[in-house]
Amino acid sequence: MPQVSIVRKEQRTGFRSPIASATGDWPVRDYDDPDKTLVMNWIGGLIRNGHAEWGMLGNGDIELRFLSGEVFHLRETTILRVS
């Protein structure tokens, strides 16, 4: 029988989220812009379903890392693809 090793998400991706590991939750709130609320809630669903991880950057932006390799920085009014 083949051996199975369990690898945590942090070990697989090399990304350790200081905020997500501390709280475990995506910040859910209602924004002034209903479109922004919709997008942020949709991103939260991707995180809850295990497709992505997140963390706060020193400048207050959110870094979103998909397990498929894409990295995005979520700023106040823009989303920037980093890789």
PDB file of N, CA and C in Angstrom:
ATOM      1  N   MET A   1       0.842  -1.179   0.000  1.00  0.00           N
ATOM      2  CA  MET A   1       0.000   0.000   0.000  1.00  0.00           C
ATOM      3  C   MET A   1       0.891   1.248   0.000  1.00  0.00           C
ATOM      4  N   PRO A   2       0.647   2.221  -0.909  1.00  0.00           N
ATOM      5  CA  PRO A   2       1.484   3.413  -0.951  1.00  0.00           C
ATOM      6  C   PRO A   2       1.284   4.285   0.280  1.00  0.00           C
ATOM      7  N   GLN A   3       2.362   4.948   0.689  1.00  0.00           N
ATOM      8  CA  GLN A   3       2.266   5.842   1.833  1.00  0.00           C
ATOM      9  C   GLN A   3       1.711   7.186   1.396  1.00  0.00           C
ATOM     10  N   VAL A   4       0.901   7.756   2.235  1.00  0.00           N
ATOM     11  CA  VAL A   4       0.307   9.059   1.957  1.00  0.00           C
ATOM     12  C   VAL A   4       0.847  10.032   2.992  1.00  0.00           C
ATOM     13  N   SER A   5       1.377  11.147   2.508  1.00  0.00           N
ATOM     14  CA  SER A   5       1.831  12.166   3.458  1.00  0.00           C
ATOM     15  C   SER A   5       0.879  13.346   3.392  1.00  0.00           C
ATOM     16  N   ILE A   6       0.536  13.844   4.537  1.00  0.00           N
ATOM     17  CA  ILE A   6      -0.368  14.987   4.626  1.00  0.00           C
ATOM     18  C   ILE A   6       0.489  16.241   4.712  1.00  0.00           C
ATOM     19  N   VAL A   7       0.226  17.172   3.803  1.00  0.00           N
ATOM     20  CA  VAL A   7       0.980  18.412   3.759  1.00  0.00           C
ATOM     21  C   VAL A   7       0.013  19.564   3.969  1.00  0.00           C
ATOM     22  N   ARG A   8       0.342  20.411   4.917  1.00  0.00           N
ATOM     23  CA  ARG A   8      -0.506  21.583   5.160  1.00  0.00           C
ATOM     24  C   ARG A   8      -0.389  22.553   3.999  1.00  0.00           C
ATOM     25  N   LYS A   9      -1.396  23.394   3.835  1.00  0.00           N
ATOM     26  CA  LYS A   9      -1.392  24.377   2.751  1.00  0.00           C
ATOM     27  C   LYS A   9      -0.159  25.271   2.808  1.00  0.00           C
ATOM     28  N   GLU A  10       0.274  25.666   4.008  1.00  0.00           N
ATOM     29  CA  GLU A  10       1.433  26.543   4.129  1.00  0.00           C
ATOM     30  C   GLU A  10       2.680  25.868   3.567  1.00  0.00           C
ATOM     31  N   GLN A  11       2.806  24.553   3.745  1.00  0.00           N
ATOM     32  CA  GLN A  11       3.966  23.842   3.244  1.00  0.00           C
ATOM     33  C   GLN A  11       3.896  23.673   1.739  1.00  0.00           C
ATOM     34  N   ARG A  12       2.708  23.459   1.189  1.00  0.00           N
ATOM     35  CA  ARG A  12       2.542  23.279  -0.251  1.00  0.00           C
ATOM     36  C   ARG A  12       2.864  24.545  -1.016  1.00  0.00           C
ATOM     37  N   THR A  13       2.362  25.658  -0.545  1.00  0.00           N
ATOM     38  CA  THR A  13       2.474  26.900  -1.300  1.00  0.00           C
ATOM     39  C   THR A  13       3.650  27.760  -0.864  1.00  0.00           C
ATOM     40  N   GLY A  14       4.177  27.517   0.323  1.00  0.00           N
ATOM     41  CA  GLY A  14       5.240  28.360   0.839  1.00  0.00           C
ATOM     42  C   GLY A  14       4.730  29.696   1.361  1.00  0.00           C
ATOM     43  N   PHE A  15       3.432  29.878   1.407  1.00  0.00           N
ATOM     44  CA  PHE A  15       2.832  31.137   1.857  1.00  0.00           C
ATOM     45  C   PHE A  15       2.238  30.923   3.230  1.00  0.00           C
ATOM     46  N   ARG A  16       2.643  31.719   4.153  1.00  0.00           N
ATOM     47  CA  ARG A  16       2.072  31.649   5.496  1.00  0.00           C
ATOM     48  C   ARG A  16       1.409  32.975   5.792  1.00  0.00           C
ATOM     49  N   SER A  17       0.143  32.941   5.997  1.00  0.00           N
ATOM     50  CA  SER A  17      -0.631  34.150   6.201  1.00  0.00           C
ATOM     51  C   SER A  17      -0.667  34.508   7.680  1.00  0.00           C
ATOM     52  N   PRO A  18      -0.045  35.606   8.070  1.00  0.00           N
ATOM     53  CA  PRO A  18      -0.021  35.951   9.490  1.00  0.00           C
ATOM     54  C   PRO A  18      -1.395  36.288  10.051  1.00  0.00           C
ATOM     55  N   ILE A  19      -2.249  36.917   9.279  1.00  0.00           N
ATOM     56  CA  ILE A  19      -3.573  37.291   9.777  1.00  0.00           C
ATOM     57  C   ILE A  19      -4.536  36.122   9.688  1.00  0.00           C
ATOM     58  N   ALA A  20      -4.544  35.430   8.541  1.00  0.00           N
ATOM     59  CA  ALA A  20      -5.482  34.322   8.371  1.00  0.00           C
ATOM     60  C   ALA A  20      -5.206  33.231   9.385  1.00  0.00           C
ATOM     61  N   SER A  21      -3.929  32.973   9.698  1.00  0.00           N
ATOM     62  CA  SER A  21      -3.640  31.924  10.665  1.00  0.00           C
ATOM     63  C   SER A  21      -4.053  32.347  12.070  1.00  0.00           C
ATOM     64  N   ALA A  22      -4.064  33.657  12.307  1.00  0.00           N
ATOM     65  CA  ALA A  22      -4.440  34.129  13.642  1.00  0.00           C
ATOM     66  C   ALA A  22      -5.952  34.127  13.821  1.00  0.00           C
ATOM     67  N   THR A  23      -6.698  34.540  12.796  1.00  0.00           N
ATOM     68  CA  THR A  23      -8.146  34.645  12.952  1.00  0.00           C
ATOM     69  C   THR A  23      -8.881  33.525  12.236  1.00  0.00           C
ATOM     70  N   GLY A  24      -8.314  33.044  11.122  1.00  0.00           N
ATOM     71  CA  GLY A  24      -8.939  31.980  10.361  1.00  0.00           C
ATOM     72  C   GLY A  24     -10.098  32.421   9.501  1.00  0.00           C
ATOM     73  N   ASP A  25     -10.472  33.683   9.555  1.00  0.00           N
ATOM     74  CA  ASP A  25     -11.649  34.146   8.844  1.00  0.00           C
ATOM     75  C   ASP A  25     -11.307  35.250   7.861  1.00  0.00           C
ATOM     76  N   TRP A  26     -12.015  35.231   6.765  1.00  0.00           N
ATOM     77  CA  TRP A  26     -11.955  36.315   5.790  1.00  0.00           C
ATOM     78  C   TRP A  26     -12.792  37.456   6.337  1.00  0.00           C
ATOM     79  N   PRO A  27     -12.283  38.693   6.272  1.00  0.00           N
ATOM     80  CA  PRO A  27     -13.056  39.806   6.834  1.00  0.00           C
ATOM     81  C   PRO A  27     -14.312  40.088   6.014  1.00  0.00           C
ATOM     82  N   VAL A  28     -15.451  39.761   6.569  1.00  0.00           N
ATOM     83  CA  VAL A  28     -16.731  39.967   5.885  1.00  0.00           C
ATOM     84  C   VAL A  28     -17.364  41.228   6.437  1.00  0.00           C
ATOM     85  N   ARG A  29     -17.721  42.110   5.532  1.00  0.00           N
ATOM     86  CA  ARG A  29     -18.411  43.326   5.940  1.00  0.00           C
ATOM     87  C   ARG A  29     -19.133  43.903   4.737  1.00  0.00           C
ATOM     88  N   ASP A  30     -19.998  44.832   4.985  1.00  0.00           N
ATOM     89  CA  ASP A  30     -20.685  45.529   3.897  1.00  0.00           C
ATOM     90  C   ASP A  30     -19.899  46.793   3.572  1.00  0.00           C
ATOM     91  N   TYR A  31     -19.523  46.912   2.321  1.00  0.00           N
ATOM     92  CA  TYR A  31     -18.810  48.098   1.862  1.00  0.00           C
ATOM     93  C   TYR A  31     -19.822  49.105   1.331  1.00  0.00           C
ATOM     94  N   ASP A  32     -19.387  50.352   1.179  1.00  0.00           N
ATOM     95  CA  ASP A  32     -20.268  51.387   0.624  1.00  0.00           C
ATOM     96  C   ASP A  32     -20.681  51.042  -0.803  1.00  0.00           C
ATOM     97  N   ASP A  33     -19.797  50.357  -1.523  1.00  0.00           N
ATOM     98  CA  ASP A  33     -20.052  49.978  -2.914  1.00  0.00           C
ATOM     99  C   ASP A  33     -20.606  48.549  -2.939  1.00  0.00           C
ATOM    100  N   PRO A  34     -21.841  48.345  -3.399  1.00  0.00           N
ATOM    101  CA  PRO A  34     -22.408  46.991  -3.410  1.00  0.00           C
ATOM    102  C   PRO A  34     -21.631  46.037  -4.315  1.00  0.00           C
ATOM    103  N   ASP A  35     -21.001  46.557  -5.375  1.00  0.00           N
ATOM    104  CA  ASP A  35     -20.195  45.691  -6.244  1.00  0.00           C
ATOM    105  C   ASP A  35     -18.962  45.183  -5.507  1.00  0.00           C
ATOM    106  N   LYS A  36     -18.325  46.048  -4.702  1.00  0.00           N
ATOM    107  CA  LYS A  36     -17.164  45.638  -3.922  1.00  0.00           C
ATOM    108  C   LYS A  36     -17.561  44.589  -2.890  1.00  0.00           C
ATOM    109  N   THR A  37     -18.708  44.771  -2.263  1.00  0.00           N
ATOM    110  CA  THR A  37     -19.204  43.788  -1.299  1.00  0.00           C
ATOM    111  C   THR A  37     -19.381  42.430  -1.971  1.00  0.00           C
ATOM    112  N   LEU A  38     -19.952  42.426  -3.156  1.00  0.00           N
ATOM    113  CA  LEU A  38     -20.159  41.187  -3.900  1.00  0.00           C
ATOM    114  C   LEU A  38     -18.837  40.493  -4.222  1.00  0.00           C
ATOM    115  N   VAL A  39     -17.862  41.256  -4.719  1.00  0.00           N
ATOM    116  CA  VAL A  39     -16.556  40.688  -5.086  1.00  0.00           C
ATOM    117  C   VAL A  39     -15.835  40.152  -3.851  1.00  0.00           C
ATOM    118  N   MET A  40     -15.821  40.925  -2.767  1.00  0.00           N
ATOM    119  CA  MET A  40     -15.114  40.487  -1.559  1.00  0.00           C
ATOM    120  C   MET A  40     -15.772  39.247  -0.957  1.00  0.00           C
ATOM    121  N   ASN A  41     -17.082  39.158  -0.991  1.00  0.00           N
ATOM    122  CA  ASN A  41     -17.763  37.958  -0.496  1.00  0.00           C
ATOM    123  C   ASN A  41     -17.467  36.758  -1.390  1.00  0.00           C
ATOM    124  N   TRP A  42     -17.379  36.980  -2.703  1.00  0.00           N
ATOM    125  CA  TRP A  42     -17.058  35.898  -3.643  1.00  0.00           C
ATOM    126  C   TRP A  42     -15.643  35.387  -3.386  1.00  0.00           C
ATOM    127  N   ILE A  43     -14.688  36.305  -3.161  1.00  0.00           N
ATOM    128  CA  ILE A  43     -13.316  35.909  -2.844  1.00  0.00           C
ATOM    129  C   ILE A  43     -13.290  35.122  -1.532  1.00  0.00           C
ATOM    130  N   GLY A  44     -14.078  35.565  -0.555  1.00  0.00           N
ATOM    131  CA  GLY A  44     -14.161  34.833   0.712  1.00  0.00           C
ATOM    132  C   GLY A  44     -14.634  33.404   0.514  1.00  0.00           C
ATOM    133  N   GLY A  45     -15.560  33.192  -0.412  1.00  0.00           N
ATOM    134  CA  GLY A  45     -16.020  31.835  -0.718  1.00  0.00           C
ATOM    135  C   GLY A  45     -14.905  30.970  -1.305  1.00  0.00           C
ATOM    136  N   LEU A  46     -14.071  31.569  -2.148  1.00  0.00           N
ATOM    137  CA  LEU A  46     -12.930  30.825  -2.703  1.00  0.00           C
ATOM    138  C   LEU A  46     -11.962  30.411  -1.595  1.00  0.00           C
ATOM    139  N   ILE A  47     -11.759  31.293  -0.629  1.00  0.00           N
ATOM    140  CA  ILE A  47     -10.868  30.983   0.492  1.00  0.00           C
ATOM    141  C   ILE A  47     -11.482  29.894   1.365  1.00  0.00           C
ATOM    142  N   ARG A  48     -12.750  30.018   1.705  1.00  0.00           N
ATOM    143  CA  ARG A  48     -13.419  29.013   2.552  1.00  0.00           C
ATOM    144  C   ARG A  48     -13.438  27.641   1.891  1.00  0.00           C
ATOM    145  N   ASN A  49     -13.523  27.611   0.561  1.00  0.00           N
ATOM    146  CA  ASN A  49     -13.554  26.339  -0.160  1.00  0.00           C
ATOM    147  C   ASN A  49     -12.163  25.782  -0.452  1.00  0.00           C
ATOM    148  N   GLY A  50     -11.125  26.457   0.029  1.00  0.00           N
ATOM    149  CA  GLY A  50      -9.770  25.929  -0.079  1.00  0.00           C
ATOM    150  C   GLY A  50      -9.066  26.204  -1.391  1.00  0.00           C
ATOM    151  N   HIS A  51      -9.563  27.144  -2.197  1.00  0.00           N
ATOM    152  CA  HIS A  51      -8.923  27.457  -3.476  1.00  0.00           C
ATOM    153  C   HIS A  51      -7.856  28.532  -3.352  1.00  0.00           C
ATOM    154  N   ALA A  52      -7.846  29.273  -2.235  1.00  0.00           N
ATOM    155  CA  ALA A  52      -6.911  30.377  -2.076  1.00  0.00           C
ATOM    156  C   ALA A  52      -6.608  30.603  -0.601  1.00  0.00           C
ATOM    157  N   GLU A  53      -5.539  31.355  -0.360  1.00  0.00           N
ATOM    158  CA  GLU A  53      -5.145  31.766   0.980  1.00  0.00           C
ATOM    159  C   GLU A  53      -4.913  33.270   0.952  1.00  0.00           C
ATOM    160  N   TRP A  54      -4.976  33.887   2.111  1.00  0.00           N
ATOM    161  CA  TRP A  54      -4.810  35.330   2.154  1.00  0.00           C
ATOM    162  C   TRP A  54      -3.976  35.758   3.337  1.00  0.00           C
ATOM    163  N   GLY A  55      -3.447  36.974   3.239  1.00  0.00           N
ATOM    164  CA  GLY A  55      -2.686  37.566   4.327  1.00  0.00           C
ATOM    165  C   GLY A  55      -2.625  39.074   4.141  1.00  0.00           C
ATOM    166  N   MET A  56      -2.355  39.775   5.220  1.00  0.00           N
ATOM    167  CA  MET A  56      -2.244  41.235   5.158  1.00  0.00           C
ATOM    168  C   MET A  56      -0.788  41.609   4.896  1.00  0.00           C
ATOM    169  N   LEU A  57      -0.591  42.572   4.020  1.00  0.00           N
ATOM    170  CA  LEU A  57       0.733  43.113   3.759  1.00  0.00           C
ATOM    171  C   LEU A  57       0.993  44.279   4.701  1.00  0.00           C
ATOM    172  N   GLY A  58       2.244  44.670   4.825  1.00  0.00           N
ATOM    173  CA  GLY A  58       2.610  45.762   5.718  1.00  0.00           C
ATOM    174  C   GLY A  58       1.950  47.089   5.383  1.00  0.00           C
ATOM    175  N   ASN A  59       1.586  47.288   4.118  1.00  0.00           N
ATOM    176  CA  ASN A  59       0.957  48.552   3.709  1.00  0.00           C
ATOM    177  C   ASN A  59      -0.565  48.523   3.832  1.00  0.00           C
ATOM    178  N   GLY A  60      -1.124  47.434   4.362  1.00  0.00           N
ATOM    179  CA  GLY A  60      -2.568  47.338   4.553  1.00  0.00           C
ATOM    180  C   GLY A  60      -3.310  46.649   3.426  1.00  0.00           C
ATOM    181  N   ASP A  61      -2.618  46.374   2.314  1.00  0.00           N
ATOM    182  CA  ASP A  61      -3.243  45.630   1.219  1.00  0.00           C
ATOM    183  C   ASP A  61      -3.409  44.169   1.623  1.00  0.00           C
ATOM    184  N   ILE A  62      -4.291  43.476   0.933  1.00  0.00           N
ATOM    185  CA  ILE A  62      -4.483  42.047   1.155  1.00  0.00           C
ATOM    186  C   ILE A  62      -3.798  41.302   0.027  1.00  0.00           C
ATOM    187  N   GLU A  63      -3.005  40.299   0.368  1.00  0.00           N
ATOM    188  CA  GLU A  63      -2.402  39.441  -0.652  1.00  0.00           C
ATOM    189  C   GLU A  63      -3.242  38.171  -0.741  1.00  0.00           C
ATOM    190  N   LEU A  64      -3.680  37.861  -1.947  1.00  0.00           N
ATOM    191  CA  LEU A  64      -4.497  36.682  -2.210  1.00  0.00           C
ATOM    192  C   LEU A  64      -3.683  35.737  -3.073  1.00  0.00           C
ATOM    193  N   ARG A  65      -3.464  34.515  -2.588  1.00  0.00           N
ATOM    194  CA  ARG A  65      -2.693  33.510  -3.323  1.00  0.00           C
ATOM    195  C   ARG A  65      -3.584  32.316  -3.626  1.00  0.00           C
ATOM    196  N   PHE A  66      -3.757  32.054  -4.920  1.00  0.00           N
ATOM    197  CA  PHE A  66      -4.503  30.882  -5.333  1.00  0.00           C
ATOM    198  C   PHE A  66      -3.584  29.673  -5.316  1.00  0.00           C
ATOM    199  N   LEU A  67      -4.109  28.509  -4.987  1.00  0.00           N
ATOM    200  CA  LEU A  67      -3.289  27.306  -4.926  1.00  0.00           C
ATOM    201  C   LEU A  67      -2.750  26.926  -6.302  1.00  0.00           C
ATOM    202  N   SER A  68      -3.334  27.475  -7.365  1.00  0.00           N
ATOM    203  CA  SER A  68      -2.837  27.223  -8.717  1.00  0.00           C
ATOM    204  C   SER A  68      -1.660  28.126  -9.072  1.00  0.00           C
ATOM    205  N   GLY A  69      -1.283  29.052  -8.176  1.00  0.00           N
ATOM    206  CA  GLY A  69      -0.085  29.844  -8.370  1.00  0.00           C
ATOM    207  C   GLY A  69      -0.277  31.336  -8.576  1.00  0.00           C
ATOM    208  N   GLU A  70      -1.458  31.778  -8.920  1.00  0.00           N
ATOM    209  CA  GLU A  70      -1.674  33.205  -9.144  1.00  0.00           C
ATOM    210  C   GLU A  70      -1.641  33.970  -7.822  1.00  0.00           C
ATOM    211  N   VAL A  71      -1.081  35.182  -7.870  1.00  0.00           N
ATOM    212  CA  VAL A  71      -1.002  36.037  -6.688  1.00  0.00           C
ATOM    213  C   VAL A  71      -1.580  37.397  -7.046  1.00  0.00           C
ATOM    214  N   PHE A  72      -2.459  37.909  -6.181  1.00  0.00           N
ATOM    215  CA  PHE A  72      -3.088  39.205  -6.392  1.00  0.00           C
ATOM    216  C   PHE A  72      -2.938  40.052  -5.138  1.00  0.00           C
ATOM    217  N   HIS A  73      -2.813  41.361  -5.330  1.00  0.00           N
ATOM    218  CA  HIS A  73      -2.855  42.304  -4.216  1.00  0.00           C
ATOM    219  C   HIS A  73      -4.161  43.067  -4.325  1.00  0.00           C
ATOM    220  N   LEU A  74      -4.940  43.005  -3.277  1.00  0.00           N
ATOM    221  CA  LEU A  74      -6.229  43.691  -3.239  1.00  0.00           C
ATOM    222  C   LEU A  74      -6.035  45.017  -2.518  1.00  0.00           C
ATOM    223  N   ARG A  75      -6.193  46.086  -3.264  1.00  0.00           N
ATOM    224  CA  ARG A  75      -6.052  47.426  -2.703  1.00  0.00           C
ATOM    225  C   ARG A  75      -7.427  48.016  -2.486  1.00  0.00           C
ATOM    226  N   GLU A  76      -7.486  49.224  -2.012  1.00  0.00           N
ATOM    227  CA  GLU A  76      -8.766  49.847  -1.688  1.00  0.00           C
ATOM    228  C   GLU A  76      -9.717  49.869  -2.890  1.00  0.00           C
ATOM    229  N   THR A  77      -9.209  50.243  -4.065  1.00  0.00           N
ATOM    230  CA  THR A  77     -10.084  50.351  -5.230  1.00  0.00           C
ATOM    231  C   THR A  77      -9.588  49.550  -6.433  1.00  0.00           C
ATOM    232  N   THR A  78      -8.501  48.788  -6.285  1.00  0.00           N
ATOM    233  CA  THR A  78      -7.960  48.027  -7.416  1.00  0.00           C
ATOM    234  C   THR A  78      -7.525  46.644  -6.980  1.00  0.00           C
ATOM    235  N   ILE A  79      -7.415  45.758  -7.968  1.00  0.00           N
ATOM    236  CA  ILE A  79      -6.856  44.424  -7.772  1.00  0.00           C
ATOM    237  C   ILE A  79      -5.698  44.319  -8.745  1.00  0.00           C
ATOM    238  N   LEU A  80      -4.496  44.048  -8.221  1.00  0.00           N
ATOM    239  CA  LEU A  80      -3.289  43.977  -9.037  1.00  0.00           C
ATOM    240  C   LEU A  80      -2.797  42.532  -9.073  1.00  0.00           C
ATOM    241  N   ARG A  81      -2.628  41.980 -10.277  1.00  0.00           N
ATOM    242  CA  ARG A  81      -2.058  40.644 -10.387  1.00  0.00           C
ATOM    243  C   ARG A  81      -0.549  40.764 -10.316  1.00  0.00           C
ATOM    244  N   VAL A  82       0.050  40.054  -9.354  1.00  0.00           N
ATOM    245  CA  VAL A  82       1.491  40.097  -9.142  1.00  0.00           C
ATOM    246  C   VAL A  82       2.180  38.986  -9.923  1.00  0.00           C
ATOM    247  N   SER A  83       1.615  37.793  -9.880  1.00  0.00           N
ATOM    248  CA  SER A  83       2.183  36.684 -10.651  1.00  0.00           C
ATOM    249  C   SER A  83       1.115  35.654 -10.958  1.00  0.00           C
TER     250      SER A  83
END
